[in-house]
Each structure stands twice: as structure tokens, then as C-alpha cells.
């Protein structure tokens, strides 16, 4: 039986295991870029900064301000920290982060997706729960596939 494999894909997940070098920890920008690479938000060597600036703004509001920002608040932060950003570009990157299951929104506010998290403004708790929520479903399906394989 021929299976159309592309129809089996529910979603793709990119998580990169990057070295944490001294250069990475020197500036906020390099740390945010490192996180963007780790989460698959950008590709290695990507020179455009708009996706990184949007991720930085979300991280800033989530973990420093402990609040869910509006598009206007994100634009103000990005303009001050990175330089002017077009609202259309900002919304595009927010949509890409939403498609990647990193960001969600409700009532005009944006926040890091935090399934099963007690305090979504706690960075360590967010990372743990985010990674578990993304990887565990894949892990369970692989375990089931291996059980099926073993029984044949």
C-alpha cells in the first residue's frame, strides 16, 4: 500500500542544539539570535533581523515586564531596541511564530505559547513545558511505532 507521506505530517519541529559560547553571551542581541536559531525561528546564516527583533520583543514583555503586549507595544519596543519595523512585517513574523507553536494571541495581546504551565512569565518553566509539549507527542508516537514493529 502506497502512503502519501506528506499528508501524514501534522507539523514540523526544528530544535537546534547549539554551543553556548562566550560570544553568544556578550550581548542581548546575540542571545536572542541564539534562541531564534535554537527554536528554528531563523536559519543559520540568515542576515535579516526582523524575525529576531520580534522574538526579542515577545521575550522582553513575557519575562522582563511579565505582561502580554499588543502590536503597538511590540512596535514601540522594537523601534527603540532595533530600529523601525513595518506593522505588516511585525504581523507576518507574529503569524510565523504562531504557526511554529511558539506564540499565541488572545484579545489583541501576544504571548509565548505555554501549555500546562503554572506561571507563563517564568522563563525556566516556559522552556521546560514548551519543549515537553512539542517533543512528547512525537516521542509517544515513536514508542507506539516501535511497539508495533516489535510485534511483527
C-alpha atoms as a PDB file:
ATOM      1  CA  UNK A   1       0.000   0.000   0.000  1.00  0.00           C
ATOM      2  CA  UNK A   2       1.381   3.400  -1.030  1.00  0.00           C
ATOM      3  CA  UNK A   3       1.057   6.076   1.668  1.00  0.00           C
ATOM      4  CA  UNK A   4       1.135   9.768   0.816  1.00  0.00           C
ATOM      5  CA  UNK A   5       3.717  10.678   3.457  1.00  0.00           C
ATOM      6  CA  UNK A   6       3.247  14.423   3.122  1.00  0.00           C
ATOM      7  CA  UNK A   7      -0.352  14.006   4.349  1.00  0.00           C
ATOM      8  CA  UNK A   8       0.925  12.277   7.492  1.00  0.00           C
ATOM      9  CA  UNK A   9       2.883  15.322   8.639  1.00  0.00           C
ATOM     10  CA  UNK A  10       0.954  17.139  11.333  1.00  0.00           C
ATOM     11  CA  UNK A  11       3.662  19.756  11.760  1.00  0.00           C
ATOM     12  CA  UNK A  12       7.423  20.037  11.667  1.00  0.00           C
ATOM     13  CA  UNK A  13       9.573  20.917  14.618  1.00  0.00           C
ATOM     14  CA  UNK A  14      13.037  22.436  14.406  1.00  0.00           C
ATOM     15  CA  UNK A  15      15.092  22.500  17.580  1.00  0.00           C
ATOM     16  CA  UNK A  16      18.818  23.004  17.306  1.00  0.00           C
ATOM     17  CA  UNK A  17      21.396  22.088  19.931  1.00  0.00           C
ATOM     18  CA  UNK A  18      23.837  24.998  19.700  1.00  0.00           C
ATOM     19  CA  UNK A  19      27.018  25.624  21.643  1.00  0.00           C
ATOM     20  CA  UNK A  20      26.756  28.434  24.179  1.00  0.00           C
ATOM     21  CA  UNK A  21      29.979  30.339  23.535  1.00  0.00           C
ATOM     22  CA  UNK A  22      31.362  33.419  25.251  1.00  0.00           C
ATOM     23  CA  UNK A  23      30.475  35.475  22.141  1.00  0.00           C
ATOM     24  CA  UNK A  24      26.843  34.365  22.390  1.00  0.00           C
ATOM     25  CA  UNK A  25      26.532  35.654  25.954  1.00  0.00           C
ATOM     26  CA  UNK A  26      28.130  39.061  25.311  1.00  0.00           C
ATOM     27  CA  UNK A  27      25.014  40.945  24.157  1.00  0.00           C
ATOM     28  CA  UNK A  28      21.251  40.692  24.352  1.00  0.00           C
ATOM     29  CA  UNK A  29      21.085  40.613  20.547  1.00  0.00           C
ATOM     30  CA  UNK A  30      23.428  37.656  20.262  1.00  0.00           C
ATOM     31  CA  UNK A  31      21.500  35.783  22.973  1.00  0.00           C
ATOM     32  CA  UNK A  32      18.172  36.401  21.219  1.00  0.00           C
ATOM     33  CA  UNK A  33      19.680  35.340  17.886  1.00  0.00           C
ATOM     34  CA  UNK A  34      20.987  32.163  19.579  1.00  0.00           C
ATOM     35  CA  UNK A  35      17.471  31.461  20.913  1.00  0.00           C
ATOM     36  CA  UNK A  36      15.953  32.151  17.483  1.00  0.00           C
ATOM     37  CA  UNK A  37      18.382  29.667  15.911  1.00  0.00           C
ATOM     38  CA  UNK A  38      17.732  27.117  18.689  1.00  0.00           C
ATOM     39  CA  UNK A  39      13.960  27.346  18.232  1.00  0.00           C
ATOM     40  CA  UNK A  40      14.150  27.211  14.442  1.00  0.00           C
ATOM     41  CA  UNK A  41      12.770  30.753  14.067  1.00  0.00           C
ATOM     42  CA  UNK A  42      15.647  31.605  11.719  1.00  0.00           C
ATOM     43  CA  UNK A  43      18.077  29.561   9.648  1.00  0.00           C
ATOM     44  CA  UNK A  44      21.843  29.567  10.158  1.00  0.00           C
ATOM     45  CA  UNK A  45      23.453  32.492   8.338  1.00  0.00           C
ATOM     46  CA  UNK A  46      20.202  34.430   7.992  1.00  0.00           C
ATOM     47  CA  UNK A  47      21.026  38.123   7.876  1.00  0.00           C
ATOM     48  CA  UNK A  48      17.578  39.659   8.224  1.00  0.00           C
ATOM     49  CA  UNK A  49      16.946  40.839  11.765  1.00  0.00           C
ATOM     50  CA  UNK A  50      13.179  41.384  11.772  1.00  0.00           C
ATOM     51  CA  UNK A  51      12.280  37.857  12.974  1.00  0.00           C
ATOM     52  CA  UNK A  52      14.896  38.110  15.730  1.00  0.00           C
ATOM     53  CA  UNK A  53      13.634  41.543  16.792  1.00  0.00           C
ATOM     54  CA  UNK A  54      10.056  40.239  17.063  1.00  0.00           C
ATOM     55  CA  UNK A  55      11.182  37.273  19.157  1.00  0.00           C
ATOM     56  CA  UNK A  56      13.206  39.663  21.337  1.00  0.00           C
ATOM     57  CA  UNK A  57      10.157  41.849  21.918  1.00  0.00           C
ATOM     58  CA  UNK A  58       7.993  38.868  22.913  1.00  0.00           C
ATOM     59  CA  UNK A  59      10.722  37.605  25.274  1.00  0.00           C
ATOM     60  CA  UNK A  60      11.167  41.067  26.774  1.00  0.00           C
ATOM     61  CA  UNK A  61       7.483  41.504  27.574  1.00  0.00           C
ATOM     62  CA  UNK A  62       6.993  37.903  28.727  1.00  0.00           C
ATOM     63  CA  UNK A  63       9.952  37.630  31.091  1.00  0.00           C
ATOM     64  CA  UNK A  64      11.004  41.210  31.958  1.00  0.00           C
ATOM     65  CA  UNK A  65       7.678  43.042  32.003  1.00  0.00           C
ATOM     66  CA  UNK A  66       5.605  39.939  32.827  1.00  0.00           C
ATOM     67  CA  UNK A  67       2.799  41.055  30.507  1.00  0.00           C
ATOM     68  CA  UNK A  68       1.245  40.205  27.164  1.00  0.00           C
ATOM     69  CA  UNK A  69       1.914  43.024  24.678  1.00  0.00           C
ATOM     70  CA  UNK A  70      -0.248  44.426  21.907  1.00  0.00           C
ATOM     71  CA  UNK A  71       1.045  45.006  18.376  1.00  0.00           C
ATOM     72  CA  UNK A  72       1.511  48.691  19.235  1.00  0.00           C
ATOM     73  CA  UNK A  73       3.609  47.859  22.315  1.00  0.00           C
ATOM     74  CA  UNK A  74       5.714  45.411  20.293  1.00  0.00           C
ATOM     75  CA  UNK A  75       6.289  48.046  17.606  1.00  0.00           C
ATOM     76  CA  UNK A  76       7.349  50.628  20.202  1.00  0.00           C
ATOM     77  CA  UNK A  77       9.801  48.215  21.837  1.00  0.00           C
ATOM     78  CA  UNK A  78      11.293  47.021  18.530  1.00  0.00           C
ATOM     79  CA  UNK A  79      11.661  50.586  17.215  1.00  0.00           C
ATOM     80  CA  UNK A  80      13.541  51.587  20.370  1.00  0.00           C
ATOM     81  CA  UNK A  81      15.744  48.481  20.615  1.00  0.00           C
ATOM     82  CA  UNK A  82      16.285  47.502  16.968  1.00  0.00           C
ATOM     83  CA  UNK A  83      15.034  50.289  14.724  1.00  0.00           C
ATOM     84  CA  UNK A  84      11.778  50.963  12.893  1.00  0.00           C
ATOM     85  CA  UNK A  85       9.650  47.997  11.853  1.00  0.00           C
ATOM     86  CA  UNK A  86       6.732  47.978   9.454  1.00  0.00           C
ATOM     87  CA  UNK A  87       3.488  46.798  11.095  1.00  0.00           C
ATOM     88  CA  UNK A  88       2.892  44.373   8.220  1.00  0.00           C
ATOM     89  CA  UNK A  89       6.355  42.840   8.795  1.00  0.00           C
ATOM     90  CA  UNK A  90       5.685  42.567  12.529  1.00  0.00           C
ATOM     91  CA  UNK A  91       2.346  40.842  11.952  1.00  0.00           C
ATOM     92  CA  UNK A  92       3.963  38.481   9.422  1.00  0.00           C
ATOM     93  CA  UNK A  93       6.582  37.369  11.958  1.00  0.00           C
ATOM     94  CA  UNK A  94       3.962  37.025  14.703  1.00  0.00           C
ATOM     95  CA  UNK A  95       1.994  34.761  12.358  1.00  0.00           C
ATOM     96  CA  UNK A  96       5.123  32.706  11.610  1.00  0.00           C
ATOM     97  CA  UNK A  97       5.788  32.338  15.352  1.00  0.00           C
ATOM     98  CA  UNK A  98       2.170  31.302  15.833  1.00  0.00           C
ATOM     99  CA  UNK A  99       2.415  28.694  13.032  1.00  0.00           C
ATOM    100  CA  UNK A 100       5.564  27.356  14.723  1.00  0.00           C
ATOM    101  CA  UNK A 101       3.607  26.962  18.001  1.00  0.00           C
ATOM    102  CA  UNK A 102       5.896  29.416  19.782  1.00  0.00           C
ATOM    103  CA  UNK A 103       3.498  32.364  20.145  1.00  0.00           C
ATOM    104  CA  UNK A 104      -0.246  32.642  20.584  1.00  0.00           C
ATOM    105  CA  UNK A 105      -2.608  35.568  20.905  1.00  0.00           C
ATOM    106  CA  UNK A 106      -5.908  36.442  22.511  1.00  0.00           C
ATOM    107  CA  UNK A 107      -7.829  39.703  22.780  1.00  0.00           C
ATOM    108  CA  UNK A 108      -5.194  41.582  20.786  1.00  0.00           C
ATOM    109  CA  UNK A 109      -2.347  40.512  23.070  1.00  0.00           C
ATOM    110  CA  UNK A 110       0.572  38.211  22.198  1.00  0.00           C
ATOM    111  CA  UNK A 111       2.380  35.737  24.434  1.00  0.00           C
ATOM    112  CA  UNK A 112       4.629  32.717  24.304  1.00  0.00           C
ATOM    113  CA  UNK A 113       2.588  29.557  23.987  1.00  0.00           C
ATOM    114  CA  UNK A 114       2.691  27.945  27.400  1.00  0.00           C
ATOM    115  CA  UNK A 115       0.748  24.688  27.614  1.00  0.00           C
ATOM    116  CA  UNK A 116       0.364  23.271  31.134  1.00  0.00           C
ATOM    117  CA  UNK A 117       2.447  25.999  32.701  1.00  0.00           C
ATOM    118  CA  UNK A 118       1.676  27.439  36.100  1.00  0.00           C
ATOM    119  CA  UNK A 119       3.387  30.790  35.604  1.00  0.00           C
ATOM    120  CA  UNK A 120       3.942  31.548  31.924  1.00  0.00           C
ATOM    121  CA  UNK A 121       6.113  34.507  32.898  1.00  0.00           C
ATOM    122  CA  UNK A 122       8.685  32.137  34.442  1.00  0.00           C
ATOM    123  CA  UNK A 123      11.355  31.578  31.758  1.00  0.00           C
ATOM    124  CA  UNK A 124      12.670  28.252  33.047  1.00  0.00           C
ATOM    125  CA  UNK A 125       9.171  26.829  33.463  1.00  0.00           C
ATOM    126  CA  UNK A 126       8.201  28.054  29.995  1.00  0.00           C
ATOM    127  CA  UNK A 127      11.205  26.404  28.298  1.00  0.00           C
ATOM    128  CA  UNK A 128      10.613  23.094  30.076  1.00  0.00           C
ATOM    129  CA  UNK A 129       6.896  22.987  29.333  1.00  0.00           C
ATOM    130  CA  UNK A 130       7.283  24.289  25.784  1.00  0.00           C
ATOM    131  CA  UNK A 131       9.852  21.645  24.851  1.00  0.00           C
ATOM    132  CA  UNK A 132       7.869  18.870  26.587  1.00  0.00           C
ATOM    133  CA  UNK A 133       4.674  19.896  24.770  1.00  0.00           C
ATOM    134  CA  UNK A 134       6.434  19.870  21.400  1.00  0.00           C
ATOM    135  CA  UNK A 135       8.574  16.738  21.797  1.00  0.00           C
ATOM    136  CA  UNK A 136       6.445  14.395  23.948  1.00  0.00           C
ATOM    137  CA  UNK A 137       3.710  13.781  21.329  1.00  0.00           C
ATOM    138  CA  UNK A 138       6.405  12.813  18.815  1.00  0.00           C
ATOM    139  CA  UNK A 139       8.128  10.604  21.394  1.00  0.00           C
ATOM    140  CA  UNK A 140       4.856   8.798  22.209  1.00  0.00           C
ATOM    141  CA  UNK A 141       4.135   8.096  18.535  1.00  0.00           C
ATOM    142  CA  UNK A 142       7.666   6.770  18.021  1.00  0.00           C
ATOM    143  CA  UNK A 143       7.301   4.470  21.050  1.00  0.00           C
ATOM    144  CA  UNK A 144       3.998   3.161  19.642  1.00  0.00           C
ATOM    145  CA  UNK A 145       5.568   2.612  16.218  1.00  0.00           C
ATOM    146  CA  UNK A 146       8.446   0.669  17.779  1.00  0.00           C
ATOM    147  CA  UNK A 147       6.000  -1.470  19.812  1.00  0.00           C
ATOM    148  CA  UNK A 148       4.123  -2.267  16.611  1.00  0.00           C
ATOM    149  CA  UNK A 149       7.378  -3.054  14.846  1.00  0.00           C
ATOM    150  CA  UNK A 150       8.488  -5.345  17.663  1.00  0.00           C
ATOM    151  CA  UNK A 151       5.244  -7.348  17.461  1.00  0.00           C
ATOM    152  CA  UNK A 152       5.694  -8.132  13.737  1.00  0.00           C
END
